[in-house]
């Protein structure tokens, strides 16, 4: 039975789990709190979040910090503890061995090696298990991992910045600042939390973007950069190509295009793809990226690519920024209007950053 204090501690665990989003490889960023009550109220004796690279998991980190104080305590975990043996024992067994008396978990793990087995191991050892505490909130942070486990493809966040009249920019003017510095910093933070970021080659030719995280202290968290290039138009002098040895760059294209030899020489990787009507076959690409272990993908442009992902029903989250200015008749129309809720999505959060606005949507 979920108690009032359970929600408070689980909310803290969910916040902690965000610390290593995008850094834990094929494992999700999970958090664990060890909480005990010696008669004067509950207090935290151990905290853990999945380490960079995915190991160790959150539970053994929190238990090591708690030490003997874990015996008889409660563990709050944002994802069902794993139940399978690998290089280390399963986290469920680690909790049992530490003498934990109760486990409160947020969301079940759909991995076929877990999927209820973790909770079953704990109960079989006499540990009280209360599952489903703040399940929706935890699943929101874990949506990319959950999507990947359930469908085999990455969880996709579509990010758009539109003007007040629903334009993405002006034709022939390259990058046009639609939002202010605070909102743009939020975009860089989003990049740091994803495994990969994707644009079409048209955006590369028009804007010559860097697609890196340029927030102080987070530069090393720039994700893999992916360019859709079905016709071999990727410029070898683009910033993405020139910096490919510093930040991984993947060019998605049909095999055998001679123009890509120069890109490879500069450090780009070519991913062979299928095409339909001279466009990259997106469902097949998503399967390929999922097979590579890419669980979270941020789609950042442009209008044609965004519309294609929406048309293929491959978007799970939408981050729709809106600036205060209008673009007028030379503007490039956005596939989404700033004041409307896209069909099949629900508004989850709204933010204000100075004169700019961010509306976040999730698939219903």
Foldseek 3Di string as FASTA:
>chain_A
DDDPVLLVVLVVQLVVLLPQFLFQFLAGWKKKWWWAPPPPDIDTQFIFIQDGPRPDHHQVRRCVSNDLVSAATEMEMAEQWFCDDDVHHTSLVVSLVSNHQEYEYAEYDLQPRGRPVSVVSNVVSVHHYHYNRPNVSSCVSVVLSNCCRVPVFAAEEEEAEAEQFFFRFFPQPADDDFADDVVVLVVLVVQLNFQEEEEELVNCVRHLDQQARDDPPRRLSHHEYEYEDAPLPRDCPRNCLQCCVVHPYEYEYAPDDVSCVSSVVSNYHYDHADDDPSGGPPVVVRNVCSVVRGRYYYYYDDQVVVVVCVVVVRHFKYKYKYGHHDDPDRGHHHPDNPPDDDPQWDWDDWDDDPRMIITMIGGD
